[in-house]
Protein backbone atom coordinates (compact mmCIF):
# COMPACT_ATOMS: atom_id res chain seq x y z
CA MET A 1 -9.02 -3.59 -28.81
CA THR A 2 -6.48 -5.59 -28.70
CA ILE A 3 -7.10 -9.40 -27.60
CA LYS A 4 -3.50 -11.68 -26.51
CA THR A 5 -3.90 -15.68 -26.12
CA GLU A 6 -0.41 -16.83 -26.94
CA ASN A 7 1.60 -18.12 -23.47
CA ASP A 8 4.55 -16.17 -24.64
CA GLU A 9 2.32 -12.88 -24.70
CA ILE A 10 0.30 -13.12 -21.41
CA ILE A 11 2.85 -14.80 -19.32
CA ASP A 12 4.21 -11.17 -18.21
CA TYR A 13 0.48 -10.80 -16.77
CA LEU A 14 0.66 -14.27 -14.57
CA SER A 15 2.40 -12.88 -11.42
CA ASP A 16 3.11 -10.12 -9.30
CA ALA A 17 5.59 -9.12 -7.15
CA SER A 18 5.25 -11.24 -4.55
CA CYS A 19 5.94 -14.36 -6.64
CA PHE A 20 2.45 -15.30 -6.50
CA SER A 21 1.54 -16.65 -10.30
CA GLY A 22 -1.59 -18.20 -12.00
CA HIS A 23 -3.34 -18.70 -14.83
CA ALA A 24 -5.28 -17.62 -17.71
CA GLU A 25 -6.88 -17.95 -20.90
CA LYS A 26 -6.45 -14.23 -22.72
CA VAL A 27 -5.99 -10.75 -22.45
CA TYR A 28 -8.33 -8.43 -23.19
CA MET A 29 -6.72 -4.49 -23.83
CA PRO A 30 -8.98 -2.48 -24.36
CA SER A 31 -9.02 1.11 -25.48
CA ASP A 32 -11.73 3.18 -24.70
CA THR A 33 -14.78 2.60 -21.81
CA SER A 34 -16.79 0.99 -24.76
CA GLU A 35 -14.94 -1.82 -25.11
CA ILE A 36 -14.59 -2.58 -21.06
CA ILE A 37 -18.42 -2.24 -20.52
CA GLU A 38 -18.79 -4.81 -23.66
CA ILE A 39 -15.91 -7.48 -22.27
CA ILE A 40 -17.96 -7.04 -18.99
CA LYS A 41 -21.58 -7.93 -20.23
CA ASN A 42 -20.05 -10.79 -22.36
CA ALA A 43 -18.63 -12.04 -19.13
CA ASN A 44 -21.63 -11.61 -17.12
CA LEU A 45 -23.62 -13.32 -19.70
CA THR A 46 -21.14 -16.22 -19.57
CA GLY A 47 -19.58 -16.51 -16.68
CA GLU A 48 -16.47 -15.64 -17.46
CA ALA A 49 -14.08 -14.87 -14.75
CA ILE A 50 -12.24 -11.65 -15.60
CA THR A 51 -9.07 -10.43 -13.09
CA ILE A 52 -8.53 -6.52 -13.66
CA SER A 53 -4.35 -6.22 -13.84
CA ALA A 54 -2.61 -3.11 -12.95
CA ALA A 55 1.12 -2.67 -12.88
CA GLY A 56 1.82 -6.07 -11.26
CA THR A 57 3.87 -4.59 -8.24
CA GLY A 58 1.55 -5.75 -5.82
CA LEU A 59 2.47 -8.20 -2.95
CA THR A 60 -0.69 -10.22 -1.99
CA GLY A 61 -1.59 -11.74 -5.99
CA SER A 62 -4.31 -9.34 -6.44
CA ARG A 63 -3.97 -8.53 -9.91
CA VAL A 64 -2.88 -12.51 -10.62
CA PRO A 65 -5.66 -14.56 -12.27
CA LEU A 66 -6.89 -17.64 -11.18
CA GLY A 67 -8.59 -18.90 -14.65
CA GLY A 68 -10.55 -17.11 -17.32
CA SER A 69 -9.49 -14.16 -18.77
CA ILE A 70 -7.39 -10.95 -18.01
CA LEU A 71 -8.36 -7.06 -18.33
CA SER A 72 -5.47 -5.08 -19.16
CA MET A 73 -5.82 -1.50 -17.76
CA GLU A 74 -3.00 -0.44 -19.67
CA ASN A 75 -3.98 1.74 -22.44
CA PHE A 76 -5.72 4.14 -19.96
CA ASN A 77 -2.38 6.00 -18.80
CA HIS A 78 -3.41 9.91 -19.66
CA ILE A 79 -3.57 12.60 -17.42
CA ILE A 80 -6.96 14.01 -18.58
CA ASN A 81 -7.06 17.26 -16.80
CA PHE A 82 -4.92 19.61 -14.20
CA SER A 83 -5.97 22.48 -12.73
CA GLN A 84 -3.31 24.18 -10.53
CA ASN A 85 -6.21 26.87 -9.15
CA GLU A 86 -8.17 24.04 -7.98
CA LYS A 87 -5.20 21.96 -6.86
CA THR A 88 -6.73 18.81 -8.50
CA ILE A 89 -5.64 16.28 -11.61
CA GLU A 90 -7.80 14.03 -13.25
CA ILE A 91 -6.14 11.04 -14.77
CA GLU A 92 -6.82 7.43 -15.93
CA PRO A 93 -5.88 4.48 -13.95
CA PHE A 94 -2.47 2.92 -15.55
CA VAL A 95 -1.03 6.76 -15.50
CA LYS A 96 2.21 5.61 -12.70
CA LEU A 97 3.34 6.81 -9.65
CA PHE A 98 6.42 8.49 -11.28
CA GLU A 99 4.90 9.77 -14.05
CA LEU A 100 2.72 12.05 -11.58
CA SER A 101 5.38 13.09 -9.61
CA GLU A 102 7.15 14.05 -13.03
CA PHE A 103 4.03 15.52 -14.57
CA LEU A 104 3.69 17.51 -11.48
CA LYS A 105 7.67 18.63 -11.50
CA GLY A 106 8.09 22.95 -11.41
CA SER A 107 3.95 23.23 -10.74
CA GLY A 108 4.47 24.33 -6.95
CA LEU A 109 1.98 21.00 -6.15
CA PHE A 110 2.20 17.55 -5.26
CA TYR A 111 0.63 14.32 -4.63
CA PRO A 112 1.62 13.25 -0.91
CA PRO A 113 1.27 9.38 -0.72
CA ASN A 114 4.49 8.07 -1.48
CA PRO A 115 4.23 4.08 -1.65
CA THR A 116 7.94 2.59 -2.12
CA GLU A 117 7.02 1.50 -5.78
CA ASN A 118 7.18 4.27 -7.86
CA LEU A 119 5.97 1.96 -10.96
CA ALA A 120 2.78 1.34 -9.49
CA SER A 121 -0.46 2.61 -11.13
CA LEU A 122 -2.81 4.98 -9.51
CA GLY A 123 -5.94 2.61 -9.90
CA GLY A 124 -3.76 0.11 -8.24
CA ASN A 125 -3.14 2.27 -5.40
CA ILE A 126 -7.11 2.84 -5.05
CA GLY A 127 -7.33 -0.69 -5.15
CA ASN A 128 -5.88 -1.11 -1.72
CA ASN A 129 -6.29 2.29 -0.42
CA ALA A 130 -2.01 1.94 -0.85
CA SER A 131 0.24 4.52 1.62
CA GLY A 132 3.81 4.70 2.26
CA SER A 133 6.04 6.51 4.07
CA ARG A 134 4.50 10.34 4.37
CA THR A 135 1.32 8.98 5.31
CA TYR A 136 2.91 9.55 8.82
CA LYS A 137 1.84 13.26 8.31
CA TYR A 138 -0.50 12.57 4.87
CA GLY A 139 -2.41 9.96 5.52
CA ALA A 140 -3.22 7.15 2.74
CA THR A 141 -4.74 7.64 -0.87
CA ARG A 142 -8.45 7.25 0.47
CA ASP A 143 -7.86 11.08 1.75
CA TYR A 144 -6.52 12.13 -1.65
CA VAL A 145 -9.28 10.97 -3.77
CA LEU A 146 -12.04 13.09 -4.83
CA SER A 147 -14.15 11.29 -7.62
CA LEU A 148 -13.61 8.03 -9.29
CA ASP A 149 -15.95 6.73 -12.70
CA VAL A 150 -16.34 2.92 -12.48
CA ILE A 151 -18.12 0.20 -14.62
CA LEU A 152 -19.93 -2.01 -11.93
CA PRO A 153 -19.74 -6.09 -13.23
CA GLN A 154 -23.01 -5.88 -15.00
CA GLY A 155 -22.35 -3.25 -17.10
CA ASP A 156 -23.76 -0.43 -15.32
CA THR A 157 -21.83 2.91 -14.48
CA LEU A 158 -21.13 4.69 -11.14
CA SER A 159 -19.98 8.83 -11.07
CA LEU A 160 -18.99 8.86 -7.54
CA GLU A 161 -18.36 12.32 -6.07
CA ARG A 162 -16.73 12.54 -2.73
CA GLY A 163 -19.92 13.98 -0.69
CA LYS A 164 -22.81 13.32 -3.17
CA ILE A 165 -23.83 9.50 -1.60
CA PHE A 166 -24.24 8.15 1.88
CA ALA A 167 -25.14 5.57 3.93
CA GLN A 168 -27.97 6.05 6.14
CA ASP A 169 -26.06 4.48 9.22
CA TYR A 170 -25.23 1.35 8.05
CA ASP A 171 -27.37 1.26 4.91
CA PHE A 172 -27.12 2.41 1.03
CA SER A 173 -29.41 3.05 -1.43
CA PHE A 174 -28.81 4.77 -4.64
CA HIS A 175 -29.04 4.21 -8.44
CA SER A 176 -26.50 4.04 -11.08
CA ARG A 177 -26.24 6.11 -14.23
CA GLU A 178 -28.81 3.88 -15.92
CA GLY A 179 -31.51 3.97 -13.46
CA ASN A 180 -30.73 0.87 -11.74
CA LEU A 181 -31.56 0.56 -7.94
CA TYR A 182 -28.79 -0.63 -5.56
CA GLU A 183 -29.32 -1.67 -1.98
CA PHE A 184 -27.41 -3.52 0.56
CA SER A 185 -26.43 -3.26 4.34
CA LEU A 186 -23.36 -2.68 5.43
CA PRO A 187 -21.44 -5.25 8.50
CA GLU A 188 -21.75 -3.02 12.04
CA VAL A 189 -17.86 -3.84 12.56
CA SER A 190 -15.63 -0.76 14.06
CA MET A 191 -11.95 -1.10 11.85
CA PRO A 192 -9.49 -0.90 13.71
CA LYS A 193 -7.82 2.51 14.46
CA VAL A 194 -4.06 2.20 12.84
CA LYS A 195 -3.93 2.23 8.85
CA HIS A 196 -6.05 0.02 7.77
CA ALA A 197 -6.17 -1.95 4.34
CA ALA A 198 -7.82 -5.29 4.83
CA GLY A 199 -11.26 -6.22 3.66
CA TYR A 200 -13.87 -3.50 2.86
CA PHE A 201 -13.87 -0.03 4.75
CA VAL A 202 -16.86 0.22 6.29
CA ALA A 203 -18.56 3.00 8.47
CA PRO A 204 -21.89 4.39 9.46
CA ASN A 205 -22.89 7.09 7.34
CA MET A 206 -19.80 6.95 5.10
CA ASP A 207 -19.32 8.12 1.66
CA LEU A 208 -20.04 5.57 -1.14
CA ILE A 209 -16.83 6.19 -2.55
CA ASP A 210 -14.73 4.87 0.25
CA LEU A 211 -15.96 1.57 -0.19
CA PHE A 212 -14.30 1.07 -3.62
CA ILE A 213 -10.97 2.62 -2.16
CA GLY A 214 -9.49 -0.62 -0.72
CA ALA A 215 -11.76 -3.08 -2.61
CA GLU A 216 -9.30 -4.75 -4.51
CA GLY A 217 -11.05 -4.59 -7.66
CA THR A 218 -13.93 -6.81 -6.65
CA LEU A 219 -16.93 -4.15 -6.98
CA GLY A 220 -16.06 -2.54 -10.35
CA VAL A 221 -13.90 -1.70 -13.22
CA ILE A 222 -12.18 2.17 -12.55
CA PHE A 223 -11.82 4.11 -15.53
CA LYS A 224 -11.42 7.68 -14.39
CA ILE A 225 -9.99 9.38 -10.78
CA LYS A 226 -9.64 12.40 -10.20
CA LEU A 227 -7.18 13.74 -7.34
CA ARG A 228 -6.62 16.39 -4.44
CA LEU A 229 -3.12 18.29 -4.51
CA LEU A 230 -1.38 19.97 -1.77
CA ASP A 231 0.98 23.04 -2.03
CA GLU A 232 4.90 21.79 -2.23
CA PRO A 233 6.66 22.30 1.00
CA GLN A 234 9.35 25.42 1.27
CA GLU A 235 12.74 23.37 2.02
CA VAL A 236 12.61 19.92 2.94
CA LEU A 237 15.57 18.13 4.74
CA GLY A 238 16.15 14.78 4.74
CA ALA A 239 18.64 12.61 7.32
CA ILE A 240 19.39 8.74 7.29
CA THR A 241 20.66 8.18 11.14
CA PHE A 242 22.44 5.41 12.70
CA PHE A 243 21.54 3.97 16.23
CA PRO A 244 23.90 1.53 18.12
CA THR A 245 21.33 -0.47 19.94
CA HIS A 246 17.77 -1.86 19.86
CA GLU A 247 17.23 0.83 23.08
CA SER A 248 18.65 3.50 21.75
CA MET A 249 16.37 3.92 18.77
CA HIS A 250 13.14 2.89 20.35
CA GLU A 251 14.00 5.73 22.93
CA PHE A 252 14.89 8.56 19.97
CA LEU A 253 11.45 7.14 18.54
CA GLN A 254 8.95 7.80 21.18
CA ASN A 255 10.79 11.22 21.53
CA ILE A 256 10.14 12.45 18.07
CA LYS A 257 6.59 11.37 17.80
CA ALA A 258 5.59 12.83 21.32
CA LYS A 259 3.52 16.08 20.46
CA ASP A 260 6.45 18.56 22.27
CA SER A 261 8.86 17.22 20.40
CA PRO A 262 11.04 19.99 18.82
CA LEU A 263 11.24 17.39 15.19
CA LYS A 264 7.93 16.86 13.45
CA PRO A 265 8.79 14.83 10.89
CA ARG A 266 6.32 14.10 7.40
CA LEU A 267 7.94 10.37 7.44
CA ILE A 268 9.99 7.92 10.03
CA GLU A 269 11.28 5.04 8.25
CA PHE A 270 12.80 2.17 9.87
CA PHE A 271 15.75 -0.53 9.12
CA ASP A 272 16.69 -3.25 11.52
CA ASN A 273 20.44 -4.74 12.08
CA ASN A 274 19.67 -7.50 8.89
CA SER A 275 18.32 -4.80 6.83
CA LEU A 276 21.57 -3.15 7.10
CA GLU A 277 23.72 -5.83 7.03
CA PHE A 278 21.80 -7.13 3.54
CA LEU A 279 22.55 -3.41 2.10
CA LYS A 280 26.08 -3.51 3.17
CA PRO A 281 27.97 -4.83 0.06
CA LYS A 282 25.89 -2.40 -2.10
CA ILE A 283 26.47 0.72 -0.21
CA SER A 284 29.81 0.84 2.10
CA GLN A 285 28.93 3.99 3.80
CA ILE A 286 26.75 2.58 6.31
CA PRO A 287 28.74 2.85 9.83
CA ASP A 288 30.19 -0.46 10.92
CA ASP A 289 28.20 0.33 14.11
CA ALA A 290 25.38 0.90 13.07
CA TYR A 291 22.67 -1.49 14.53
CA TYR A 292 19.56 0.04 13.39
CA ALA A 293 18.90 3.22 11.58
CA LEU A 294 16.03 5.62 10.81
CA TRP A 295 15.09 7.83 7.65
CA LEU A 296 13.60 10.89 8.46
CA GLU A 297 12.12 14.00 6.37
CA ILE A 298 10.85 17.43 8.09
CA GLU A 299 9.58 20.14 6.10
CA THR A 300 10.42 23.25 6.81
CA MET A 301 10.94 27.50 5.77
CA SER A 302 14.45 28.58 4.58
CA ASP A 303 15.03 31.29 7.38
CA LYS A 304 14.34 28.09 9.39
CA LEU A 305 17.08 25.67 7.91
CA ASP A 306 19.77 26.34 10.08
CA ASP A 307 17.96 26.04 13.35
CA ASP A 308 16.22 23.41 12.18
CA LEU A 309 19.41 21.58 11.06
CA ALA A 310 20.89 22.14 14.45
CA ALA A 311 17.73 20.65 16.35
CA ILE A 312 17.92 17.15 13.90
CA TYR A 313 21.81 17.01 15.71
CA GLN A 314 21.06 18.00 19.36
CA THR A 315 17.81 15.37 18.93
CA ILE A 316 20.26 12.52 17.25
CA SER A 317 22.81 13.42 19.57
CA ASP A 318 21.10 13.23 22.97
CA TYR A 319 20.19 9.31 21.74
CA SER A 320 22.86 7.91 19.30
CA THR A 321 26.38 8.08 19.66
CA LEU A 322 26.96 7.86 16.06
CA ALA A 323 25.28 11.43 15.37
CA ASP A 324 28.15 12.34 13.47
CA GLU A 325 27.32 9.50 10.80
CA THR A 326 24.22 11.10 10.17
CA TRP A 327 23.78 11.51 6.16
CA LEU A 328 21.73 14.65 5.71
CA ALA A 329 19.82 15.91 2.64
CA GLN A 330 18.41 19.42 1.22
CA THR A 331 19.09 19.31 -2.32
CA PRO A 332 17.58 16.93 -4.93
CA SER A 333 20.21 14.73 -5.61
CA GLU A 334 20.78 14.51 -1.59
CA HIS A 335 17.21 13.37 -1.41
CA LEU A 336 17.47 11.22 -4.00
CA ARG A 337 19.99 8.96 -2.37
CA LEU A 338 18.30 8.71 0.65
CA ALA A 339 15.35 7.23 -1.28
CA GLU A 340 17.55 4.69 -2.99
CA PHE A 341 18.76 4.00 0.25
CA ARG A 342 15.07 3.09 1.22
CA HIS A 343 14.21 1.66 -2.16
CA ALA A 344 17.10 -1.06 -2.14
CA LEU A 345 16.16 -3.30 0.73
CA PRO A 346 12.81 -4.66 -0.73
CA LEU A 347 14.41 -4.89 -4.32
CA ALA A 348 17.85 -6.86 -2.50
CA VAL A 349 15.25 -8.94 -0.73
CA TYR A 350 13.18 -9.63 -4.07
CA GLU A 351 16.55 -10.80 -5.55
CA LYS A 352 17.06 -13.14 -2.88
CA ILE A 353 13.42 -14.75 -2.58
CA GLN A 354 13.59 -15.23 -6.76
CA GLU A 355 17.41 -17.01 -5.96
CA TYR A 356 14.90 -19.44 -3.63
CA GLY A 357 12.40 -20.08 -5.66
CA GLN A 358 10.10 -19.27 -2.73
CA GLN A 359 6.96 -16.88 -2.44
CA LYS A 360 7.86 -13.59 -0.52
CA LEU A 361 6.21 -13.67 3.38
CA GLY A 362 6.21 -10.24 4.80
CA THR A 363 3.82 -9.19 7.20
CA ASP A 364 2.00 -5.71 6.42
CA SER A 365 0.76 -5.59 10.10
CA ALA A 366 0.32 -2.40 12.00
CA VAL A 367 -0.17 -1.59 15.53
CA PRO A 368 -1.20 1.56 18.18
CA SER A 369 1.82 3.06 19.01
CA GLN A 370 1.56 2.44 22.84
CA TYR A 371 2.49 -1.25 21.76
CA PHE A 372 5.16 -0.46 18.80
CA GLN A 373 8.23 -1.48 20.78
CA GLN A 374 6.38 -4.66 22.87
CA TYR A 375 5.16 -5.52 19.33
CA HIS A 376 8.60 -5.37 17.81
CA GLU A 377 10.43 -7.65 20.20
CA PHE A 378 7.82 -10.01 19.95
CA ILE A 379 8.43 -10.81 16.11
CA ILE A 380 12.17 -10.67 17.32
CA ASP A 381 11.55 -13.35 20.11
CA GLU A 382 9.69 -15.11 17.37
CA PHE A 383 12.13 -15.34 14.43
CA SER A 384 15.35 -15.83 16.46
CA ARG A 385 13.20 -18.79 18.87
CA GLU A 386 12.62 -20.78 14.88
CA LYS A 387 16.30 -19.23 13.57
CA LEU A 388 14.96 -17.83 10.74
CA ASP A 389 16.50 -15.66 8.42
CA TYR A 390 14.60 -12.19 8.28
CA VAL A 391 14.29 -8.47 7.60
CA ILE A 392 12.64 -6.20 9.10
CA TRP A 393 11.98 -2.52 7.85
CA GLY A 394 8.79 -0.17 7.73
CA HIS A 395 6.74 2.77 8.30
CA VAL A 396 7.20 3.18 12.16
CA GLY A 397 5.78 7.02 12.43
CA ASP A 398 2.34 4.54 11.68
CA SER A 399 3.92 1.62 13.81
CA HIS A 400 3.96 -0.39 10.75
CA LEU A 401 6.20 -3.12 10.20
CA HIS A 402 7.19 -5.25 7.06
CA ALA A 403 8.59 -8.54 8.29
CA ASN A 404 9.89 -10.28 6.17
CA ILE A 405 10.74 -14.03 6.46
CA ILE A 406 13.72 -15.52 3.84
CA THR A 407 13.36 -19.32 3.61
CA LYS A 408 15.48 -21.06 1.28
CA THR A 409 13.32 -24.52 1.27
CA THR A 410 9.88 -26.16 0.91
CA SER A 411 9.87 -27.13 4.62
CA GLU A 412 11.11 -23.86 5.81
CA PHE A 413 8.55 -21.89 4.55
CA ALA A 414 5.83 -24.04 5.93
CA GLN A 415 7.81 -23.52 9.03
CA ALA A 416 7.45 -19.37 8.67
CA GLU A 417 4.18 -19.12 7.79
CA ILE A 418 3.03 -20.71 11.32
CA ILE A 419 5.22 -17.99 12.91
CA PHE A 420 4.12 -15.81 10.22
CA GLU A 421 0.17 -16.37 11.82
CA LYS A 422 1.03 -15.96 14.98
CA ILE A 423 2.35 -12.66 14.59
CA LEU A 424 -0.18 -11.27 12.80
CA GLU A 425 -2.37 -12.77 15.60
CA ARG A 426 -0.18 -10.73 18.35
CA ALA A 427 -1.25 -7.60 15.98
CA VAL A 428 -4.72 -7.70 15.81
CA ARG A 429 -5.05 -8.98 19.69
CA LEU A 430 -3.13 -5.80 20.33
CA GLY A 431 -5.85 -3.99 18.52
CA GLY A 432 -4.20 -3.64 15.17
CA THR A 433 -4.70 -4.89 11.78
CA ILE A 434 -2.94 -7.77 9.38
CA SER A 435 -2.63 -5.32 6.44
CA ALA A 436 -1.65 -1.77 6.81
CA GLU A 437 -1.19 -0.67 3.07
CA HIS A 438 -1.27 -3.84 0.70
CA GLY A 439 -4.38 -5.74 1.10
CA ILE A 440 -5.55 -9.18 1.45
CA GLY A 441 -5.68 -10.16 -2.15
CA LYS A 442 -5.27 -14.03 -2.59
CA ILE A 443 -2.19 -14.97 -0.49
CA LYS A 444 -3.51 -13.09 2.68
CA LYS A 445 -7.29 -14.27 2.50
CA ARG A 446 -6.92 -17.06 4.92
CA TYR A 447 -5.98 -14.58 7.96
CA LEU A 448 -8.95 -12.20 7.34
CA PRO A 449 -10.75 -14.58 9.94
CA LEU A 450 -7.86 -13.22 12.36
CA LEU A 451 -9.30 -9.66 12.18
CA TYR A 452 -13.42 -10.41 11.34
CA ASP A 453 -15.69 -12.70 12.66
CA GLN A 454 -17.86 -14.77 10.03
CA SER A 455 -20.59 -12.21 10.55
CA VAL A 456 -18.87 -9.24 9.54
CA ILE A 457 -17.17 -11.73 6.68
CA SER A 458 -20.88 -12.85 5.51
CA GLY A 459 -21.60 -8.70 5.34
CA PHE A 460 -18.43 -8.36 2.80
CA ARG A 461 -19.63 -10.94 0.83
CA LEU A 462 -23.63 -9.58 0.64
CA ILE A 463 -21.86 -6.39 -0.27
CA LYS A 464 -20.10 -8.37 -3.15
CA GLN A 465 -23.18 -9.77 -4.49
CA THR A 466 -25.00 -6.87 -4.62
CA PHE A 467 -22.65 -5.46 -6.75
CA ASP A 468 -21.40 -8.53 -8.61
CA PRO A 469 -24.12 -11.45 -8.47
CA LYS A 470 -22.64 -13.98 -10.84
CA SER A 471 -19.03 -13.35 -9.61
CA ILE A 472 -17.17 -12.69 -12.33
CA LEU A 473 -14.81 -9.56 -11.13
CA ASN A 474 -11.14 -10.35 -9.23
CA VAL A 475 -12.31 -13.55 -8.24
CA GLY A 476 -10.51 -14.68 -5.11
CA ASN A 477 -9.79 -11.41 -3.67
CA ILE A 478 -10.69 -10.86 -0.10
CA PHE A 479 -12.65 -13.76 -0.15
């Protein structure tokens, strides 16, 4: 096992993509599970805080330590077993999304969740139940996790296989591999009926594996993962289409999300006018008259390509005068162009935030579809009234927006935080969530009471205490 202690060795582990930073005394880099167990047991005896470090692409400070030591999982980066017949793959948690995608090329199978950051690790994705652009059709990470092997904060281990350990109503009782009994009750609360990743997942009669997915590393260290894969579609049509007005985009969006729509997208991604202005210096082909843009992908068959292309063009023409400016994609290189357009935006915003030396302040909220336009307009009104610089993009198939406030000074950031909280309050009031895919981490835990009352949060704390009575693991996340 490697242990890093010098400042220049550990500095890269002390922040994440939100520009939130912390401090630690050392970094442990175990090479096998016995070393992880040794680290965890010693920490449990001494009370040493241990923060699990994934790839550092998170946006909530979840992997950022607030003292103690760091447990880096970077040596756990192997693909263990792949079954094409069973459509499953077993991996270690530091396998990156792009590595999984490259491995599966040519197999006829794919991993449907599609978080924006392909440098993210699968362990980190499981930690916050990450989702992404294809969640609209396929669901989030939780829907594809078949089993997890976990080391608990006292050194016990669990093999969690989906379908094996269930709650009795809201009560759990089970044994670790070592024979130790774990018993606790879940708080009786209904999760928001939208894409959701804030606090522990709880439901009556739930599968135990789902408690660990989205727990942000607070309950145990995941060291092995088994994922479900799906057959690749025969053909995928992509399009980035532009709209001249706010109203025309929302009318189009309502049309294609309707059950009787001729288009059945697997993803619908949104870019507002400020996003397009942000990208124009880098991407000159964006039409001058474009106010909004949507990126669509539609799965089809070879013999239906022409019909589906005609349907795409006709539907866009019904709502936008810029239909002829649509960027279409059929080949891998064309699809890559559209994906790079999407990925260029958060990168450009991140660079601007770094330039100003401010922390990232962006919503991760989702609301029920019937309130989406109302919620979008509320956000615009709030930003405009306060004269804040902003860009909005998001997964609008799921009525999920990332509204990013770009602040230049500390005082401007403080002003923006007030508006940020008002936006989250409105999402909750409409039946939505404060975090749809990024989790709570350390940055957003003060907003959790907007969503849950203290009795529910106390119930979450009791779950944490059952697994981690000395509170050594990922201290500061969620609570």
